[in-house]
Amino acid sequence: MNSRVNGMNSRVNRANSRVNGMNSRVNRANSRVNGMNSRVNRANSRVNGMNSRVNRANSRVNRANSRVKQIKILRPLPYL
Protein backbone atom coordinates (compact mmCIF):
# COMPACT_ATOMS: atom_id res chain seq x y z
CA MET A 1 0.00 0.00 0.00
CA ASN A 2 2.79 2.42 0.95
CA SER A 3 4.64 1.73 -2.31
CA ARG A 4 1.46 2.57 -4.29
CA VAL A 5 1.11 5.86 -2.35
CA ASN A 6 4.79 6.63 -2.91
CA GLY A 7 4.33 5.99 -6.64
CA MET A 8 1.41 8.46 -6.72
CA ASN A 9 3.44 10.98 -4.74
CA SER A 10 6.31 10.77 -7.21
CA ARG A 11 3.87 11.37 -10.10
CA VAL A 12 2.38 14.35 -8.29
CA ASN A 13 5.87 15.66 -7.56
CA ARG A 14 6.84 15.34 -11.24
CA ALA A 15 3.65 17.17 -12.29
CA ASN A 16 4.31 19.90 -9.73
CA SER A 17 7.87 20.36 -10.93
CA ARG A 18 6.53 20.71 -14.51
CA VAL A 19 4.07 23.37 -13.33
CA ASN A 20 6.86 25.15 -11.45
CA GLY A 21 8.95 25.14 -14.62
CA MET A 22 6.05 26.76 -16.51
CA ASN A 23 5.66 29.31 -13.73
CA SER A 24 9.32 30.30 -13.97
CA ARG A 25 8.91 30.80 -17.75
CA VAL A 26 5.79 32.91 -17.19
CA ASN A 27 7.61 34.93 -14.54
CA ARG A 28 10.51 35.56 -16.91
CA ALA A 29 8.10 36.65 -19.65
CA ASN A 30 6.27 38.93 -17.22
CA SER A 31 9.49 40.56 -16.09
CA ARG A 32 10.37 41.17 -19.76
CA VAL A 33 6.97 42.83 -20.27
CA ASN A 34 7.50 44.92 -17.13
CA GLY A 35 10.87 46.01 -18.47
CA MET A 36 9.18 47.09 -21.72
CA ASN A 37 6.53 48.95 -19.71
CA SER A 38 9.18 50.89 -17.80
CA ARG A 39 10.79 51.87 -21.13
CA VAL A 40 7.42 52.98 -22.50
CA ASN A 41 6.74 54.94 -19.32
CA ARG A 42 10.10 56.69 -19.62
CA ALA A 43 9.39 57.53 -23.27
CA ASN A 44 5.93 58.83 -22.35
CA SER A 45 7.33 61.04 -19.61
CA ARG A 46 9.82 62.44 -22.15
CA VAL A 47 6.93 63.19 -24.52
CA ASN A 48 5.00 64.81 -21.68
CA GLY A 49 8.01 66.96 -20.90
CA MET A 50 8.10 68.04 -24.55
CA ASN A 51 4.37 68.77 -24.42
CA SER A 52 4.78 71.03 -21.39
CA ARG A 53 7.53 72.96 -23.24
CA VAL A 54 5.31 73.29 -26.31
CA ASN A 55 2.40 74.43 -24.14
CA ARG A 56 4.57 77.08 -22.48
CA ALA A 57 5.77 78.30 -25.89
CA ASN A 58 2.18 78.39 -27.18
CA SER A 59 0.98 80.42 -24.21
CA ARG A 60 3.85 82.86 -24.84
CA VAL A 61 2.74 83.21 -28.48
CA ASN A 62 -0.89 83.64 -27.40
CA ARG A 63 0.09 86.41 -24.98
CA ALA A 64 2.07 88.16 -27.70
CA ASN A 65 -0.85 87.85 -30.11
CA SER A 66 -3.30 89.31 -27.60
CA ARG A 67 -0.89 92.22 -27.05
CA VAL A 68 -0.79 92.88 -30.81
CA LYS A 69 -4.62 92.80 -30.95
CA GLN A 70 -4.85 95.26 -28.04
CA ILE A 71 -2.42 97.66 -29.77
CA LYS A 72 -4.50 97.49 -32.97
CA ILE A 73 -7.69 98.27 -30.99
CA LEU A 74 -6.09 101.21 -29.14
CA ARG A 75 -4.71 102.81 -32.33
CA PRO A 76 -7.19 105.38 -33.70
CA LEU A 77 -8.85 104.58 -37.02
CA PRO A 78 -7.47 106.58 -39.97
CA TYR A 79 -9.88 109.14 -41.42
CA LEU A 80 -11.15 108.02 -44.75
C-alpha atoms as a PDB file:
ATOM      1  CA  MET A   1       0.000   0.000   0.000  1.00  0.00           C
ATOM      2  CA  ASN A   2       2.786   2.421   0.946  1.00  0.00           C
ATOM      3  CA  SER A   3       4.643   1.733  -2.314  1.00  0.00           C
ATOM      4  CA  ARG A   4       1.461   2.572  -4.291  1.00  0.00           C
ATOM      5  CA  VAL A   5       1.105   5.858  -2.350  1.00  0.00           C
ATOM      6  CA  ASN A   6       4.786   6.634  -2.913  1.00  0.00           C
ATOM      7  CA  GLY A   7       4.330   5.994  -6.645  1.00  0.00           C
ATOM      8  CA  MET A   8       1.410   8.459  -6.722  1.00  0.00           C
ATOM      9  CA  ASN A   9       3.436  10.977  -4.744  1.00  0.00           C
ATOM     10  CA  SER A  10       6.311  10.770  -7.213  1.00  0.00           C
ATOM     11  CA  ARG A  11       3.868  11.373 -10.103  1.00  0.00           C
ATOM     12  CA  VAL A  12       2.383  14.350  -8.288  1.00  0.00           C
ATOM     13  CA  ASN A  13       5.867  15.660  -7.555  1.00  0.00           C
ATOM     14  CA  ARG A  14       6.836  15.341 -11.237  1.00  0.00           C
ATOM     15  CA  ALA A  15       3.655  17.169 -12.289  1.00  0.00           C
ATOM     16  CA  ASN A  16       4.308  19.900  -9.727  1.00  0.00           C
ATOM     17  CA  SER A  17       7.874  20.361 -10.927  1.00  0.00           C
ATOM     18  CA  ARG A  18       6.534  20.708 -14.513  1.00  0.00           C
ATOM     19  CA  VAL A  19       4.073  23.367 -13.335  1.00  0.00           C
ATOM     20  CA  ASN A  20       6.857  25.152 -11.446  1.00  0.00           C
ATOM     21  CA  GLY A  21       8.951  25.144 -14.616  1.00  0.00           C
ATOM     22  CA  MET A  22       6.052  26.761 -16.510  1.00  0.00           C
ATOM     23  CA  ASN A  23       5.660  29.314 -13.729  1.00  0.00           C
ATOM     24  CA  SER A  24       9.319  30.299 -13.971  1.00  0.00           C
ATOM     25  CA  ARG A  25       8.906  30.795 -17.753  1.00  0.00           C
ATOM     26  CA  VAL A  26       5.791  32.907 -17.195  1.00  0.00           C
ATOM     27  CA  ASN A  27       7.613  34.925 -14.539  1.00  0.00           C
ATOM     28  CA  ARG A  28      10.512  35.559 -16.914  1.00  0.00           C
ATOM     29  CA  ALA A  29       8.099  36.650 -19.648  1.00  0.00           C
ATOM     30  CA  ASN A  30       6.266  38.934 -17.223  1.00  0.00           C
ATOM     31  CA  SER A  31       9.493  40.559 -16.087  1.00  0.00           C
ATOM     32  CA  ARG A  32      10.372  41.173 -19.757  1.00  0.00           C
ATOM     33  CA  VAL A  33       6.967  42.827 -20.267  1.00  0.00           C
ATOM     34  CA  ASN A  34       7.499  44.919 -17.130  1.00  0.00           C
ATOM     35  CA  GLY A  35      10.868  46.011 -18.471  1.00  0.00           C
ATOM     36  CA  MET A  36       9.178  47.089 -21.719  1.00  0.00           C
ATOM     37  CA  ASN A  37       6.525  48.947 -19.709  1.00  0.00           C
ATOM     38  CA  SER A  38       9.178  50.888 -17.797  1.00  0.00           C
ATOM     39  CA  ARG A  39      10.793  51.875 -21.134  1.00  0.00           C
ATOM     40  CA  VAL A  40       7.420  52.976 -22.498  1.00  0.00           C
ATOM     41  CA  ASN A  41       6.740  54.943 -19.323  1.00  0.00           C
ATOM     42  CA  ARG A  42      10.104  56.692 -19.622  1.00  0.00           C
ATOM     43  CA  ALA A  43       9.389  57.534 -23.269  1.00  0.00           C
ATOM     44  CA  ASN A  44       5.930  58.828 -22.355  1.00  0.00           C
ATOM     45  CA  SER A  45       7.326  61.041 -19.613  1.00  0.00           C
ATOM     46  CA  ARG A  46       9.818  62.444 -22.147  1.00  0.00           C
ATOM     47  CA  VAL A  47       6.927  63.193 -24.522  1.00  0.00           C
ATOM     48  CA  ASN A  48       4.999  64.812 -21.678  1.00  0.00           C
ATOM     49  CA  GLY A  49       8.014  66.959 -20.901  1.00  0.00           C
ATOM     50  CA  MET A  50       8.104  68.044 -24.547  1.00  0.00           C
ATOM     51  CA  ASN A  51       4.371  68.772 -24.425  1.00  0.00           C
ATOM     52  CA  SER A  52       4.781  71.031 -21.392  1.00  0.00           C
ATOM     53  CA  ARG A  53       7.531  72.965 -23.243  1.00  0.00           C
ATOM     54  CA  VAL A  54       5.310  73.293 -26.308  1.00  0.00           C
ATOM     55  CA  ASN A  55       2.400  74.432 -24.137  1.00  0.00           C
ATOM     56  CA  ARG A  56       4.569  77.078 -22.483  1.00  0.00           C
ATOM     57  CA  ALA A  57       5.767  78.304 -25.886  1.00  0.00           C
ATOM     58  CA  ASN A  58       2.184  78.388 -27.179  1.00  0.00           C
ATOM     59  CA  SER A  59       0.981  80.417 -24.205  1.00  0.00           C
ATOM     60  CA  ARG A  60       3.847  82.857 -24.842  1.00  0.00           C
ATOM     61  CA  VAL A  61       2.736  83.212 -28.479  1.00  0.00           C
ATOM     62  CA  ASN A  62      -0.887  83.638 -27.400  1.00  0.00           C
ATOM     63  CA  ARG A  63       0.086  86.412 -24.977  1.00  0.00           C
ATOM     64  CA  ALA A  64       2.074  88.161 -27.697  1.00  0.00           C
ATOM     65  CA  ASN A  65      -0.848  87.849 -30.105  1.00  0.00           C
ATOM     66  CA  SER A  66      -3.301  89.312 -27.601  1.00  0.00           C
ATOM     67  CA  ARG A  67      -0.892  92.218 -27.048  1.00  0.00           C
ATOM     68  CA  VAL A  68      -0.791  92.882 -30.810  1.00  0.00           C
ATOM     69  CA  LYS A  69      -4.617  92.802 -30.946  1.00  0.00           C
ATOM     70  CA  GLN A  70      -4.846  95.264 -28.044  1.00  0.00           C
ATOM     71  CA  ILE A  71      -2.416  97.660 -29.765  1.00  0.00           C
ATOM     72  CA  LYS A  72      -4.502  97.488 -32.965  1.00  0.00           C
ATOM     73  CA  ILE A  73      -7.686  98.272 -30.994  1.00  0.00           C
ATOM     74  CA  LEU A  74      -6.094 101.213 -29.141  1.00  0.00           C
ATOM     75  CA  ARG A  75      -4.708 102.813 -32.326  1.00  0.00           C
ATOM     76  CA  PRO A  76      -7.186 105.385 -33.702  1.00  0.00           C
ATOM     77  CA  LEU A  77      -8.845 104.578 -37.019  1.00  0.00           C
ATOM     78  CA  PRO A  78      -7.467 106.579 -39.966  1.00  0.00           C
ATOM     79  CA  TYR A  79      -9.878 109.139 -41.417  1.00  0.00           C
ATOM     80  CA  LEU A  80     -11.146 108.024 -44.753  1.00  0.00           C
END
